[in-house]
PDB file of all heavy atoms in Angstrom:
ATOM      1  N   ASN A   1      70.547  -2.999  11.510  1.00  0.00           N
ATOM      2  CA  ASN A   1      71.658  -3.064  10.581  1.00  0.00           C
ATOM      3  C   ASN A   1      71.918  -4.466  10.082  1.00  0.00           C
ATOM      4  O   ASN A   1      72.924  -4.701   9.367  1.00  0.00           O
ATOM      5  CB  ASN A   1      72.925  -2.455  11.187  1.00  0.00           C
ATOM      6  CG  ASN A   1      73.323  -3.195  12.471  1.00  0.00           C
ATOM      7  OD1 ASN A   1      72.595  -4.103  12.915  1.00  0.00           O
ATOM      8  ND2 ASN A   1      74.443  -2.831  13.046  1.00  0.00           N
ATOM      9  N   LEU A   2      71.100  -5.431  10.436  1.00  0.00           N
ATOM     10  CA  LEU A   2      71.304  -6.835  10.003  1.00  0.00           C
ATOM     11  C   LEU A   2      70.479  -7.116   8.739  1.00  0.00           C
ATOM     12  O   LEU A   2      69.310  -6.838   8.708  1.00  0.00           O
ATOM     13  CB  LEU A   2      70.885  -7.801  11.107  1.00  0.00           C
ATOM     14  CG  LEU A   2      71.043  -9.287  10.775  1.00  0.00           C
ATOM     15  CD1 LEU A   2      72.506  -9.671  10.599  1.00  0.00           C
ATOM     16  CD2 LEU A   2      70.367 -10.164  11.849  1.00  0.00           C
ATOM     17  N   ASP A   3      71.121  -7.612   7.738  1.00  0.00           N
ATOM     18  CA  ASP A   3      70.418  -7.990   6.485  1.00  0.00           C
ATOM     19  C   ASP A   3      69.750  -9.360   6.724  1.00  0.00           C
ATOM     20  O   ASP A   3      70.390 -10.399   6.619  1.00  0.00           O
ATOM     21  CB  ASP A   3      71.405  -8.072   5.328  1.00  0.00           C
ATOM     22  CG  ASP A   3      70.693  -8.379   4.004  1.00  0.00           C
ATOM     23  OD1 ASP A   3      69.463  -8.339   3.952  1.00  0.00           O
ATOM     24  OD2 ASP A   3      71.376  -8.635   3.001  1.00  0.00           O
ATOM     25  N   TYR A   4      68.475  -9.338   7.081  1.00  0.00           N
ATOM     26  CA  TYR A   4      67.791 -10.574   7.492  1.00  0.00           C
ATOM     27  C   TYR A   4      67.428 -11.450   6.304  1.00  0.00           C
ATOM     28  O   TYR A   4      67.117 -12.639   6.470  1.00  0.00           O
ATOM     29  CB  TYR A   4      66.520 -10.229   8.277  1.00  0.00           C
ATOM     30  CG  TYR A   4      65.519  -9.400   7.532  1.00  0.00           C
ATOM     31  CD1 TYR A   4      64.605  -9.978   6.664  1.00  0.00           C
ATOM     32  CD2 TYR A   4      65.492  -8.004   7.693  1.00  0.00           C
ATOM     33  CE1 TYR A   4      63.698  -9.219   5.972  1.00  0.00           C
ATOM     34  CE2 TYR A   4      64.556  -7.233   7.021  1.00  0.00           C
ATOM     35  CZ  TYR A   4      63.680  -7.826   6.147  1.00  0.00           C
ATOM     36  OH  TYR A   4      62.762  -7.057   5.479  1.00  0.00           O
ATOM     37  N   GLU A   5      67.390 -10.876   5.078  1.00  0.00           N
ATOM     38  CA  GLU A   5      66.971 -11.676   3.905  1.00  0.00           C
ATOM     39  C   GLU A   5      68.049 -12.721   3.617  1.00  0.00           C
ATOM     40  O   GLU A   5      69.183 -12.400   3.210  1.00  0.00           O
ATOM     41  CB  GLU A   5      66.769 -10.772   2.689  1.00  0.00           C
ATOM     42  CG  GLU A   5      65.577  -9.812   2.852  1.00  0.00           C
ATOM     43  CD  GLU A   5      65.349  -8.968   1.650  1.00  0.00           C
ATOM     44  OE1 GLU A   5      66.177  -9.043   0.729  1.00  0.00           O
ATOM     45  OE2 GLU A   5      64.329  -8.243   1.610  1.00  0.00           O
ATOM     46  N   GLY A   6      67.712 -13.979   3.805  1.00  0.00           N
ATOM     47  CA  GLY A   6      68.613 -15.102   3.569  1.00  0.00           C
ATOM     48  C   GLY A   6      69.553 -15.405   4.742  1.00  0.00           C
ATOM     49  O   GLY A   6      70.307 -16.332   4.713  1.00  0.00           O
ATOM     50  N   LYS A   7      69.473 -14.559   5.802  1.00  0.00           N
ATOM     51  CA  LYS A   7      70.398 -14.697   6.943  1.00  0.00           C
ATOM     52  C   LYS A   7      70.180 -16.049   7.644  1.00  0.00           C
ATOM     53  O   LYS A   7      71.146 -16.701   8.068  1.00  0.00           O
ATOM     54  CB  LYS A   7      70.147 -13.562   7.944  1.00  0.00           C
ATOM     55  CG  LYS A   7      70.861 -13.702   9.275  1.00  0.00           C
ATOM     56  CD  LYS A   7      72.384 -13.590   9.087  1.00  0.00           C
ATOM     57  CE  LYS A   7      73.079 -13.656  10.454  1.00  0.00           C
ATOM     58  NZ  LYS A   7      74.526 -13.554  10.304  1.00  0.00           N
ATOM     59  N   PHE A   8      68.927 -16.481   7.741  1.00  0.00           N
ATOM     60  CA  PHE A   8      68.648 -17.725   8.523  1.00  0.00           C
ATOM     61  C   PHE A   8      68.300 -18.914   7.608  1.00  0.00           C
ATOM     62  O   PHE A   8      67.818 -19.942   8.122  1.00  0.00           O
ATOM     63  CB  PHE A   8      67.486 -17.458   9.486  1.00  0.00           C
ATOM     64  CG  PHE A   8      67.733 -16.302  10.396  1.00  0.00           C
ATOM     65  CD1 PHE A   8      67.090 -15.075  10.130  1.00  0.00           C
ATOM     66  CD2 PHE A   8      68.516 -16.425  11.505  1.00  0.00           C
ATOM     67  CE1 PHE A   8      67.314 -13.979  10.999  1.00  0.00           C
ATOM     68  CE2 PHE A   8      68.766 -15.339  12.352  1.00  0.00           C
ATOM     69  CZ  PHE A   8      68.128 -14.127  12.090  1.00  0.00           C
ATOM     70  N   ASP A   9      68.556 -18.817   6.308  1.00  0.00           N
ATOM     71  CA  ASP A   9      68.177 -19.874   5.381  1.00  0.00           C
ATOM     72  C   ASP A   9      68.869 -21.205   5.737  1.00  0.00           C
ATOM     73  O   ASP A   9      68.256 -22.273   5.616  1.00  0.00           O
ATOM     74  CB  ASP A   9      68.480 -19.505   3.940  1.00  0.00           C
ATOM     75  CG  ASP A   9      67.497 -18.482   3.375  1.00  0.00           C
ATOM     76  OD1 ASP A   9      66.547 -18.144   4.120  1.00  0.00           O
ATOM     77  OD2 ASP A   9      67.634 -18.070   2.226  1.00  0.00           O
ATOM     78  N   SER A  10      70.132 -21.129   6.120  1.00  0.00           N
ATOM     79  CA  SER A  10      70.831 -22.381   6.436  1.00  0.00           C
ATOM     80  C   SER A  10      70.221 -23.104   7.640  1.00  0.00           C
ATOM     81  O   SER A  10      70.133 -24.330   7.673  1.00  0.00           O
ATOM     82  CB  SER A  10      72.336 -22.081   6.710  1.00  0.00           C
ATOM     83  OG  SER A  10      72.431 -21.199   7.777  1.00  0.00           O
ATOM     84  N   VAL A  11      69.755 -22.321   8.624  1.00  0.00           N
ATOM     85  CA  VAL A  11      69.071 -22.898   9.786  1.00  0.00           C
ATOM     86  C   VAL A  11      67.711 -23.440   9.393  1.00  0.00           C
ATOM     87  O   VAL A  11      67.302 -24.567   9.812  1.00  0.00           O
ATOM     88  CB  VAL A  11      68.915 -21.835  10.911  1.00  0.00           C
ATOM     89  CG1 VAL A  11      68.194 -22.455  12.095  1.00  0.00           C
ATOM     90  CG2 VAL A  11      70.248 -21.275  11.322  1.00  0.00           C
ATOM     91  N   PHE A  12      67.012 -22.683   8.561  1.00  0.00           N
ATOM     92  CA  PHE A  12      65.657 -23.101   8.125  1.00  0.00           C
ATOM     93  C   PHE A  12      65.742 -24.416   7.342  1.00  0.00           C
ATOM     94  O   PHE A  12      64.891 -25.335   7.494  1.00  0.00           O
ATOM     95  CB  PHE A  12      65.004 -22.012   7.287  1.00  0.00           C
ATOM     96  CG  PHE A  12      64.655 -20.811   8.108  1.00  0.00           C
ATOM     97  CD1 PHE A  12      64.223 -19.631   7.462  1.00  0.00           C
ATOM     98  CD2 PHE A  12      64.630 -20.820   9.492  1.00  0.00           C
ATOM     99  CE1 PHE A  12      63.871 -18.515   8.195  1.00  0.00           C
ATOM    100  CE2 PHE A  12      64.272 -19.696  10.215  1.00  0.00           C
ATOM    101  CZ  PHE A  12      63.935 -18.525   9.575  1.00  0.00           C
ATOM    102  N   GLU A  13      66.711 -24.541   6.471  1.00  0.00           N
ATOM    103  CA  GLU A  13      66.846 -25.743   5.637  1.00  0.00           C
ATOM    104  C   GLU A  13      67.128 -26.977   6.501  1.00  0.00           C
ATOM    105  O   GLU A  13      66.747 -28.113   6.101  1.00  0.00           O
ATOM    106  CB  GLU A  13      67.984 -25.575   4.613  1.00  0.00           C
ATOM    107  CG  GLU A  13      67.662 -24.575   3.519  1.00  0.00           C
ATOM    108  CD  GLU A  13      68.851 -24.253   2.629  1.00  0.00           C
ATOM    109  OE1 GLU A  13      69.958 -24.806   2.947  1.00  0.00           O
ATOM    110  OE2 GLU A  13      68.696 -23.502   1.682  1.00  0.00           O
ATOM    111  N   LYS A  14      67.706 -26.763   7.643  1.00  0.00           N
ATOM    112  CA  LYS A  14      68.029 -27.846   8.556  1.00  0.00           C
ATOM    113  C   LYS A  14      66.834 -28.331   9.334  1.00  0.00           C
ATOM    114  O   LYS A  14      66.686 -29.526   9.611  1.00  0.00           O
ATOM    115  CB  LYS A  14      69.171 -27.419   9.481  1.00  0.00           C
ATOM    116  CG  LYS A  14      69.638 -28.491  10.450  1.00  0.00           C
ATOM    117  CD  LYS A  14      70.816 -27.941  11.276  1.00  0.00           C
ATOM    118  CE  LYS A  14      71.271 -28.979  12.272  1.00  0.00           C
ATOM    119  NZ  LYS A  14      72.396 -28.416  13.147  1.00  0.00           N
ATOM    120  N   TYR A  15      65.964 -27.408   9.721  1.00  0.00           N
ATOM    121  CA  TYR A  15      64.863 -27.727  10.645  1.00  0.00           C
ATOM    122  C   TYR A  15      63.464 -27.634  10.015  1.00  0.00           C
ATOM    123  O   TYR A  15      62.518 -28.176  10.578  1.00  0.00           O
ATOM    124  CB  TYR A  15      64.922 -26.813  11.872  1.00  0.00           C
ATOM    125  CG  TYR A  15      66.104 -27.008  12.712  1.00  0.00           C
ATOM    126  CD1 TYR A  15      67.237 -26.191  12.587  1.00  0.00           C
ATOM    127  CD2 TYR A  15      66.158 -28.021  13.699  1.00  0.00           C
ATOM    128  CE1 TYR A  15      68.364 -26.365  13.391  1.00  0.00           C
ATOM    129  CE2 TYR A  15      67.269 -28.206  14.494  1.00  0.00           C
ATOM    130  CZ  TYR A  15      68.386 -27.361  14.312  1.00  0.00           C
ATOM    131  OH  TYR A  15      69.492 -27.551  15.107  1.00  0.00           O
ATOM    132  N   LEU A  16      63.325 -26.950   8.908  1.00  0.00           N
ATOM    133  CA  LEU A  16      61.997 -26.670   8.344  1.00  0.00           C
ATOM    134  C   LEU A  16      61.809 -27.327   6.989  1.00  0.00           C
ATOM    135  O   LEU A  16      62.794 -27.450   6.236  1.00  0.00           O
ATOM    136  CB  LEU A  16      61.751 -25.172   8.233  1.00  0.00           C
ATOM    137  CG  LEU A  16      61.950 -24.330   9.518  1.00  0.00           C
ATOM    138  CD1 LEU A  16      61.719 -22.864   9.229  1.00  0.00           C
ATOM    139  CD2 LEU A  16      60.991 -24.820  10.623  1.00  0.00           C
ATOM    140  N   SER A  17      60.580 -27.668   6.680  1.00  0.00           N
ATOM    141  CA  SER A  17      60.269 -28.175   5.327  1.00  0.00           C
ATOM    142  C   SER A  17      59.882 -27.037   4.398  1.00  0.00           C
ATOM    143  O   SER A  17      60.012 -27.160   3.160  1.00  0.00           O
ATOM    144  CB  SER A  17      59.155 -29.228   5.394  1.00  0.00           C
ATOM    145  OG  SER A  17      57.999 -28.695   5.985  1.00  0.00           O
ATOM    146  N   SER A  18      59.363 -25.969   4.922  1.00  0.00           N
ATOM    147  CA  SER A  18      59.009 -24.777   4.125  1.00  0.00           C
ATOM    148  C   SER A  18      58.880 -23.566   5.047  1.00  0.00           C
ATOM    149  O   SER A  18      58.631 -23.716   6.247  1.00  0.00           O
ATOM    150  CB  SER A  18      57.692 -24.976   3.326  1.00  0.00           C
ATOM    151  OG  SER A  18      56.615 -25.136   4.191  1.00  0.00           O
ATOM    152  N   TRP A  19      59.010 -22.375   4.475  1.00  0.00           N
ATOM    153  CA  TRP A  19      58.879 -21.141   5.228  1.00  0.00           C
ATOM    154  C   TRP A  19      58.578 -19.981   4.282  1.00  0.00           C
ATOM    155  O   TRP A  19      59.013 -19.963   3.124  1.00  0.00           O
ATOM    156  CB  TRP A  19      60.104 -20.835   6.066  1.00  0.00           C
ATOM    157  CG  TRP A  19      61.352 -20.598   5.277  1.00  0.00           C
ATOM    158  CD1 TRP A  19      61.839 -19.386   4.828  1.00  0.00           C
ATOM    159  CD2 TRP A  19      62.309 -21.540   4.801  1.00  0.00           C
ATOM    160  NE1 TRP A  19      62.973 -19.542   4.119  1.00  0.00           N
ATOM    161  CE2 TRP A  19      63.310 -20.887   4.094  1.00  0.00           C
ATOM    162  CE3 TRP A  19      62.391 -22.962   4.945  1.00  0.00           C
ATOM    163  CZ2 TRP A  19      64.401 -21.520   3.509  1.00  0.00           C
ATOM    164  CZ3 TRP A  19      63.444 -23.620   4.338  1.00  0.00           C
ATOM    165  CH2 TRP A  19      64.424 -22.893   3.642  1.00  0.00           C
ATOM    166  N   THR A  20      57.812 -19.038   4.810  1.00  0.00           N
ATOM    167  CA  THR A  20      57.515 -17.812   4.055  1.00  0.00           C
ATOM    168  C   THR A  20      57.560 -16.612   5.006  1.00  0.00           C
ATOM    169  O   THR A  20      57.196 -16.789   6.205  1.00  0.00           O
ATOM    170  CB  THR A  20      56.115 -17.878   3.385  1.00  0.00           C
ATOM    171  OG1 THR A  20      55.125 -18.091   4.397  1.00  0.00           O
ATOM    172  CG2 THR A  20      56.067 -18.975   2.334  1.00  0.00           C
ATOM    173  N   ILE A  21      57.894 -15.436   4.496  1.00  0.00           N
ATOM    174  CA  ILE A  21      57.875 -14.241   5.315  1.00  0.00           C
ATOM    175  C   ILE A  21      56.468 -13.658   5.204  1.00  0.00           C
ATOM    176  O   ILE A  21      56.046 -13.269   4.132  1.00  0.00           O
ATOM    177  CB  ILE A  21      58.917 -13.217   4.867  1.00  0.00           C
ATOM    178  CG1 ILE A  21      60.326 -13.787   5.065  1.00  0.00           C
ATOM    179  CG2 ILE A  21      58.773 -11.905   5.604  1.00  0.00           C
ATOM    180  CD1 ILE A  21      61.420 -12.845   4.575  1.00  0.00           C
ATOM    181  N   ASP A  22      55.743 -13.616   6.348  1.00  0.00           N
ATOM    182  CA  ASP A  22      54.395 -13.108   6.337  1.00  0.00           C
ATOM    183  C   ASP A  22      54.317 -11.614   6.680  1.00  0.00           C
ATOM    184  O   ASP A  22      53.399 -10.930   6.251  1.00  0.00           O
ATOM    185  CB  ASP A  22      53.537 -13.901   7.346  1.00  0.00           C
ATOM    186  CG  ASP A  22      53.331 -15.329   6.863  1.00  0.00           C
ATOM    187  OD1 ASP A  22      53.462 -15.610   5.680  1.00  0.00           O
ATOM    188  OD2 ASP A  22      52.976 -16.190   7.753  1.00  0.00           O
ATOM    189  N   GLU A  23      55.232 -11.152   7.521  1.00  0.00           N
ATOM    190  CA  GLU A  23      55.178  -9.760   7.964  1.00  0.00           C
ATOM    191  C   GLU A  23      56.540  -9.283   8.427  1.00  0.00           C
ATOM    192  O   GLU A  23      57.315 -10.039   9.041  1.00  0.00           O
ATOM    193  CB  GLU A  23      54.178  -9.625   9.112  1.00  0.00           C
ATOM    194  CG  GLU A  23      53.997  -8.196   9.621  1.00  0.00           C
ATOM    195  CD  GLU A  23      53.058  -8.087  10.781  1.00  0.00           C
ATOM    196  OE1 GLU A  23      53.192  -8.951  11.688  1.00  0.00           O
ATOM    197  OE2 GLU A  23      52.217  -7.168  10.849  1.00  0.00           O
ATOM    198  N   VAL A  24      56.848  -8.035   8.125  1.00  0.00           N
ATOM    199  CA  VAL A  24      58.060  -7.373   8.613  1.00  0.00           C
ATOM    200  C   VAL A  24      57.651  -6.012   9.170  1.00  0.00           C
ATOM    201  O   VAL A  24      56.995  -5.265   8.443  1.00  0.00           O
ATOM    202  CB  VAL A  24      59.108  -7.203   7.541  1.00  0.00           C
ATOM    203  CG1 VAL A  24      60.361  -6.491   8.065  1.00  0.00           C
ATOM    204  CG2 VAL A  24      59.524  -8.538   6.917  1.00  0.00           C
ATOM    205  N   LYS A  25      58.050  -5.747  10.383  1.00  0.00           N
ATOM    206  CA  LYS A  25      57.721  -4.426  10.971  1.00  0.00           C
ATOM    207  C   LYS A  25      58.831  -3.982  11.867  1.00  0.00           C
ATOM    208  O   LYS A  25      59.625  -4.767  12.382  1.00  0.00           O
ATOM    209  CB  LYS A  25      56.397  -4.476  11.741  1.00  0.00           C
ATOM    210  CG  LYS A  25      56.417  -5.291  12.988  1.00  0.00           C
ATOM    211  CD  LYS A  25      55.067  -5.217  13.703  1.00  0.00           C
ATOM    212  CE  LYS A  25      55.097  -5.986  15.028  1.00  0.00           C
ATOM    213  NZ  LYS A  25      53.772  -5.906  15.733  1.00  0.00           N
ATOM    214  N   THR A  26      58.937  -2.647  12.049  1.00  0.00           N
ATOM    215  CA  THR A  26      59.953  -2.083  12.937  1.00  0.00           C
ATOM    216  C   THR A  26      59.414  -1.982  14.355  1.00  0.00           C
ATOM    217  O   THR A  26      58.192  -1.917  14.569  1.00  0.00           O
ATOM    218  CB  THR A  26      60.378  -0.677  12.449  1.00  0.00           C
ATOM    219  OG1 THR A  26      59.212   0.172  12.454  1.00  0.00           O
ATOM    220  CG2 THR A  26      60.959  -0.735  11.067  1.00  0.00           C
TER     221      THR A  26
END
């Protein structure tokens, strides 16, 4: 029930120079 799209962007911007979603599975 968590909308993961954009959920962690603020954390990623702080620690990462780039990121991409490679896979999503249940």
